[in-house]
Amino acid sequence: YYADRAAKRLMEQDAELRESLIQLLGENVFNNLGQLNRDWIAQKLFNTPELLNRWNAKVHPKVFDDFNRWVSCQEGSYILKEAAILFETGGERNCDLSILITAPEDLRIERVMKRDSWTREQVKERLNRQWSDERKIPLADFVVENLDLKTLNLEIKRLHSQLYKRFSQQ
């Protein structure tokens, strides 16, 4: 389950949530095609912490509910939920265990700059609004460092074997 993708889908397709977000920030929340006006929203929210909190209070409960519906339809030995701000939102309370993927900050910044065509300052500003790895590591059940794809894939395969054994016996 990809929480960020689900949040975007819900914000664009859930009529009640759409209206609530428009009431909070105005018509510019969505462009002419009905899609999130992401740059405009980010500019508004990340400069006003109180507004960001109110936005999150509208979006996060919808994502939690969507996740719970999704979980009820799954049949595997275990499922995964990917969420950039899992600990910040208390989402880990809905999980049997948590896996934290880390990387050195400079590497994370470079990856986001390349992926999203953002400036270094934009990435750092966004990262500064998330909890640091140092704060999250003690909360995680497993920590995997993502330095390169080859090593990451080996670690994920090892972790999958552990989780499969653990949860298929239940």
C-alpha atoms as a PDB file:
ATOM      1  CA  TYR A   1       0.000   0.000   0.000  1.00  0.00           C
ATOM      2  CA  TYR A   2       1.492   3.314  -1.065  1.00  0.00           C
ATOM      3  CA  ALA A   3       0.142   5.949   1.315  1.00  0.00           C
ATOM      4  CA  ASP A   4       1.289   8.954  -0.746  1.00  0.00           C
ATOM      5  CA  ARG A   5      -0.379   7.627  -3.903  1.00  0.00           C
ATOM      6  CA  ALA A   6      -3.525   6.802  -1.960  1.00  0.00           C
ATOM      7  CA  ALA A   7      -3.607  10.297  -0.457  1.00  0.00           C
ATOM      8  CA  LYS A   8      -3.320  11.870  -3.899  1.00  0.00           C
ATOM      9  CA  ARG A   9      -6.049   9.600  -5.285  1.00  0.00           C
ATOM     10  CA  LEU A  10      -8.354  10.350  -2.382  1.00  0.00           C
ATOM     11  CA  MET A  11      -7.772  14.101  -2.567  1.00  0.00           C
ATOM     12  CA  GLU A  12      -8.651  14.078  -6.254  1.00  0.00           C
ATOM     13  CA  GLN A  13     -11.533  11.565  -6.211  1.00  0.00           C
ATOM     14  CA  ASP A  14     -13.237  11.692  -2.799  1.00  0.00           C
ATOM     15  CA  ALA A  15     -15.900  14.407  -3.201  1.00  0.00           C
ATOM     16  CA  GLU A  16     -16.183  15.104   0.523  1.00  0.00           C
ATOM     17  CA  LEU A  17     -12.415  15.458   0.922  1.00  0.00           C
ATOM     18  CA  ARG A  18     -12.106  17.603  -2.224  1.00  0.00           C
ATOM     19  CA  GLU A  19     -14.720  20.031  -0.929  1.00  0.00           C
ATOM     20  CA  SER A  20     -13.082  20.145   2.481  1.00  0.00           C
ATOM     21  CA  LEU A  21      -9.694  20.993   0.944  1.00  0.00           C
ATOM     22  CA  ILE A  22     -11.230  23.690  -1.257  1.00  0.00           C
ATOM     23  CA  GLN A  23     -12.897  25.198   1.803  1.00  0.00           C
ATOM     24  CA  LEU A  24      -9.541  25.230   3.574  1.00  0.00           C
ATOM     25  CA  LEU A  25      -7.352  26.724   0.813  1.00  0.00           C
ATOM     26  CA  GLY A  26      -9.651  27.857  -1.979  1.00  0.00           C
ATOM     27  CA  GLU A  27     -10.342  26.867  -5.580  1.00  0.00           C
ATOM     28  CA  ASN A  28      -6.636  26.892  -6.535  1.00  0.00           C
ATOM     29  CA  VAL A  29      -6.162  23.549  -4.747  1.00  0.00           C
ATOM     30  CA  PHE A  30      -7.101  21.872  -8.044  1.00  0.00           C
ATOM     31  CA  ASN A  31      -6.158  22.840 -11.585  1.00  0.00           C
ATOM     32  CA  ASN A  32      -8.577  23.013 -14.529  1.00  0.00           C
ATOM     33  CA  LEU A  33      -8.252  19.244 -15.032  1.00  0.00           C
ATOM     34  CA  GLY A  34      -9.265  18.522 -11.443  1.00  0.00           C
ATOM     35  CA  GLN A  35      -5.751  17.496 -10.450  1.00  0.00           C
ATOM     36  CA  LEU A  36      -3.943  18.676  -7.354  1.00  0.00           C
ATOM     37  CA  ASN A  37      -2.066  21.928  -7.873  1.00  0.00           C
ATOM     38  CA  ARG A  38       0.888  20.470  -5.980  1.00  0.00           C
ATOM     39  CA  ASP A  39       3.372  23.333  -6.256  1.00  0.00           C
ATOM     40  CA  TRP A  40       0.785  25.901  -5.188  1.00  0.00           C
ATOM     41  CA  ILE A  41      -0.378  23.702  -2.288  1.00  0.00           C
ATOM     42  CA  ALA A  42       3.187  23.090  -1.105  1.00  0.00           C
ATOM     43  CA  GLN A  43       3.924  26.800  -1.140  1.00  0.00           C
ATOM     44  CA  LYS A  44       0.846  27.518   0.995  1.00  0.00           C
ATOM     45  CA  LEU A  45       1.176  24.637   3.425  1.00  0.00           C
ATOM     46  CA  PHE A  46       4.874  24.529   4.082  1.00  0.00           C
ATOM     47  CA  ASN A  47       5.010  28.211   4.969  1.00  0.00           C
ATOM     48  CA  THR A  48       2.164  27.940   7.494  1.00  0.00           C
ATOM     49  CA  PRO A  49       2.499  25.065   9.995  1.00  0.00           C
ATOM     50  CA  GLU A  50      -1.025  25.577  11.391  1.00  0.00           C
ATOM     51  CA  LEU A  51      -2.493  25.312   7.890  1.00  0.00           C
ATOM     52  CA  LEU A  52      -0.447  22.158   7.257  1.00  0.00           C
ATOM     53  CA  ASN A  53      -1.811  20.636  10.471  1.00  0.00           C
ATOM     54  CA  ARG A  54      -5.386  21.415   9.417  1.00  0.00           C
ATOM     55  CA  TRP A  55      -4.741  19.934   5.938  1.00  0.00           C
ATOM     56  CA  ASN A  56      -3.271  16.769   7.463  1.00  0.00           C
ATOM     57  CA  ALA A  57      -6.223  16.480   9.858  1.00  0.00           C
ATOM     58  CA  LYS A  58      -8.485  16.239   6.803  1.00  0.00           C
ATOM     59  CA  VAL A  59      -6.332  13.952   4.640  1.00  0.00           C
ATOM     60  CA  HIS A  60      -4.775  11.473   7.089  1.00  0.00           C
ATOM     61  CA  PRO A  61      -8.022   9.993   8.499  1.00  0.00           C
ATOM     62  CA  LYS A  62      -9.191   9.298   4.932  1.00  0.00           C
ATOM     63  CA  VAL A  63      -5.890   7.547   4.154  1.00  0.00           C
ATOM     64  CA  PHE A  64      -6.101   5.495   7.375  1.00  0.00           C
ATOM     65  CA  ASP A  65      -9.638   4.380   6.470  1.00  0.00           C
ATOM     66  CA  ASP A  66      -8.597   3.580   2.899  1.00  0.00           C
ATOM     67  CA  PHE A  67      -5.659   1.532   4.187  1.00  0.00           C
ATOM     68  CA  ASN A  68      -7.929  -0.453   6.516  1.00  0.00           C
ATOM     69  CA  ARG A  69     -10.305  -1.234   3.631  1.00  0.00           C
ATOM     70  CA  TRP A  70      -7.344  -2.269   1.474  1.00  0.00           C
ATOM     71  CA  VAL A  71      -5.972  -4.530   4.228  1.00  0.00           C
ATOM     72  CA  SER A  72      -9.289  -6.355   4.528  1.00  0.00           C
ATOM     73  CA  CYS A  73      -8.979  -7.426   0.869  1.00  0.00           C
ATOM     74  CA  GLN A  74      -5.418  -8.788   1.097  1.00  0.00           C
ATOM     75  CA  GLU A  75      -4.571 -12.475   1.374  1.00  0.00           C
ATOM     76  CA  GLY A  76      -0.767 -12.692   1.561  1.00  0.00           C
ATOM     77  CA  SER A  77       1.320 -13.866   4.501  1.00  0.00           C
ATOM     78  CA  TYR A  78       2.115 -10.245   5.173  1.00  0.00           C
ATOM     79  CA  ILE A  79       1.513  -6.877   3.560  1.00  0.00           C
ATOM     80  CA  LEU A  80       3.580  -3.722   3.321  1.00  0.00           C
ATOM     81  CA  LYS A  81       2.575  -0.107   3.724  1.00  0.00           C
ATOM     82  CA  GLU A  82       4.947   2.505   2.326  1.00  0.00           C
ATOM     83  CA  ALA A  83       4.554   5.875   4.023  1.00  0.00           C
ATOM     84  CA  ALA A  84       7.162   8.636   4.129  1.00  0.00           C
ATOM     85  CA  ILE A  85       5.734  10.035   7.370  1.00  0.00           C
ATOM     86  CA  LEU A  86       4.570   6.824   9.043  1.00  0.00           C
ATOM     87  CA  PHE A  87       5.909   7.730  12.497  1.00  0.00           C
ATOM     88  CA  GLU A  88       4.999  11.412  12.268  1.00  0.00           C
ATOM     89  CA  THR A  89       1.329  10.530  11.721  1.00  0.00           C
ATOM     90  CA  GLY A  90       1.157   7.687  14.239  1.00  0.00           C
ATOM     91  CA  GLY A  91       0.546   5.264  11.377  1.00  0.00           C
ATOM     92  CA  GLU A  92       2.885   2.687  12.882  1.00  0.00           C
ATOM     93  CA  ARG A  93       0.198   1.944  15.491  1.00  0.00           C
ATOM     94  CA  ASN A  94      -1.774   0.252  12.686  1.00  0.00           C
ATOM     95  CA  CYS A  95       1.171  -2.010  11.804  1.00  0.00           C
ATOM     96  CA  ASP A  96       2.505  -5.200  13.371  1.00  0.00           C
ATOM     97  CA  LEU A  97       6.034  -3.967  12.805  1.00  0.00           C
ATOM     98  CA  SER A  98       7.898  -1.245  10.948  1.00  0.00           C
ATOM     99  CA  ILE A  99      10.786  -1.145   8.505  1.00  0.00           C
ATOM    100  CA  LEU A 100      12.729   2.093   8.161  1.00  0.00           C
ATOM    101  CA  ILE A 101      14.695   2.626   4.953  1.00  0.00           C
ATOM    102  CA  THR A 102      17.506   5.116   5.507  1.00  0.00           C
ATOM    103  CA  ALA A 103      20.165   6.785   3.390  1.00  0.00           C
ATOM    104  CA  PRO A 104      22.696   9.512   4.070  1.00  0.00           C
ATOM    105  CA  GLU A 105      21.065  12.932   3.775  1.00  0.00           C
ATOM    106  CA  ASP A 106      23.248  14.069   0.862  1.00  0.00           C
ATOM    107  CA  LEU A 107      22.294  10.965  -1.114  1.00  0.00           C
ATOM    108  CA  ARG A 108      18.587  11.476  -0.359  1.00  0.00           C
ATOM    109  CA  ILE A 109      18.821  15.093  -1.458  1.00  0.00           C
ATOM    110  CA  GLU A 110      20.529  14.160  -4.727  1.00  0.00           C
ATOM    111  CA  ARG A 111      17.948  11.458  -5.469  1.00  0.00           C
ATOM    112  CA  VAL A 112      14.978  13.772  -4.884  1.00  0.00           C
ATOM    113  CA  MET A 113      16.581  16.565  -6.919  1.00  0.00           C
ATOM    114  CA  LYS A 114      17.009  14.162  -9.820  1.00  0.00           C
ATOM    115  CA  ARG A 115      13.555  12.557  -9.485  1.00  0.00           C
ATOM    116  CA  ASP A 116      11.501  15.729  -8.950  1.00  0.00           C
ATOM    117  CA  SER A 117      13.684  18.398 -10.600  1.00  0.00           C
ATOM    118  CA  TRP A 118      13.782  20.333  -7.341  1.00  0.00           C
ATOM    119  CA  THR A 119      16.540  22.578  -6.059  1.00  0.00           C
ATOM    120  CA  ARG A 120      18.699  21.516  -3.127  1.00  0.00           C
ATOM    121  CA  GLU A 121      16.967  24.149  -0.987  1.00  0.00           C
ATOM    122  CA  GLN A 122      13.486  22.834  -1.856  1.00  0.00           C
ATOM    123  CA  VAL A 123      14.471  19.295  -0.908  1.00  0.00           C
ATOM    124  CA  LYS A 124      16.116  20.372   2.348  1.00  0.00           C
ATOM    125  CA  GLU A 125      13.060  22.436   3.255  1.00  0.00           C
ATOM    126  CA  ARG A 126      10.828  19.400   2.758  1.00  0.00           C
ATOM    127  CA  LEU A 127      13.178  17.066   4.645  1.00  0.00           C
ATOM    128  CA  ASN A 128      13.344  19.512   7.555  1.00  0.00           C
ATOM    129  CA  ARG A 129       9.604  19.039   8.060  1.00  0.00           C
ATOM    130  CA  GLN A 130      10.035  15.289   8.498  1.00  0.00           C
ATOM    131  CA  TRP A 131      11.500  13.553  11.501  1.00  0.00           C
ATOM    132  CA  SER A 132      15.204  12.745  11.270  1.00  0.00           C
ATOM    133  CA  ASP A 133      16.393   9.170  10.866  1.00  0.00           C
ATOM    134  CA  GLU A 134      17.947   9.484  14.329  1.00  0.00           C
ATOM    135  CA  ARG A 135      14.503  10.097  15.787  1.00  0.00           C
ATOM    136  CA  LYS A 136      12.854   7.275  13.804  1.00  0.00           C
ATOM    137  CA  ILE A 137      15.490   4.534  14.161  1.00  0.00           C
ATOM    138  CA  PRO A 138      14.624   3.697  17.803  1.00  0.00           C
ATOM    139  CA  LEU A 139      10.955   3.356  16.792  1.00  0.00           C
ATOM    140  CA  ALA A 140      11.585   0.964  13.887  1.00  0.00           C
ATOM    141  CA  ASP A 141      11.650  -2.811  14.188  1.00  0.00           C
ATOM    142  CA  PHE A 142      14.011  -3.127  11.206  1.00  0.00           C
ATOM    143  CA  VAL A 143      16.375  -0.599   9.629  1.00  0.00           C
ATOM    144  CA  VAL A 144      17.687  -1.024   6.078  1.00  0.00           C
ATOM    145  CA  GLU A 145      20.240   1.352   4.604  1.00  0.00           C
ATOM    146  CA  ASN A 146      19.670   2.242   0.950  1.00  0.00           C
ATOM    147  CA  LEU A 147      23.089   3.094  -0.455  1.00  0.00           C
ATOM    148  CA  ASP A 148      22.662   1.380  -3.832  1.00  0.00           C
ATOM    149  CA  LEU A 149      20.111  -0.865  -5.539  1.00  0.00           C
ATOM    150  CA  LYS A 150      22.193  -4.043  -5.467  1.00  0.00           C
ATOM    151  CA  THR A 151      22.760  -3.925  -1.708  1.00  0.00           C
ATOM    152  CA  LEU A 152      19.196  -2.778  -1.076  1.00  0.00           C
ATOM    153  CA  ASN A 153      17.760  -5.693  -3.073  1.00  0.00           C
ATOM    154  CA  LEU A 154      19.874  -8.183  -1.115  1.00  0.00           C
ATOM    155  CA  GLU A 155      18.724  -6.692   2.194  1.00  0.00           C
ATOM    156  CA  ILE A 156      15.077  -6.677   1.108  1.00  0.00           C
ATOM    157  CA  LYS A 157      15.276 -10.341   0.017  1.00  0.00           C
ATOM    158  CA  ARG A 158      16.814 -11.274   3.367  1.00  0.00           C
ATOM    159  CA  LEU A 159      14.136  -9.334   5.218  1.00  0.00           C
ATOM    160  CA  HIS A 160      11.379 -10.887   3.085  1.00  0.00           C
ATOM    161  CA  SER A 161      12.589 -14.373   4.055  1.00  0.00           C
ATOM    162  CA  GLN A 162      12.454 -13.424   7.733  1.00  0.00           C
ATOM    163  CA  LEU A 163       9.006 -11.877   7.482  1.00  0.00           C
ATOM    164  CA  TYR A 164       7.588 -14.691   5.379  1.00  0.00           C
ATOM    165  CA  LYS A 165       8.736 -17.296   7.907  1.00  0.00           C
ATOM    166  CA  ARG A 166       7.405 -15.249  10.803  1.00  0.00           C
ATOM    167  CA  PHE A 167       3.975 -14.439   9.388  1.00  0.00           C
ATOM    168  CA  SER A 168       3.250 -17.615   7.413  1.00  0.00           C
ATOM    169  CA  GLN A 169       3.396 -19.600  10.670  1.00  0.00           C
ATOM    170  CA  GLN A 170       0.573 -17.577  12.225  1.00  0.00           C
END
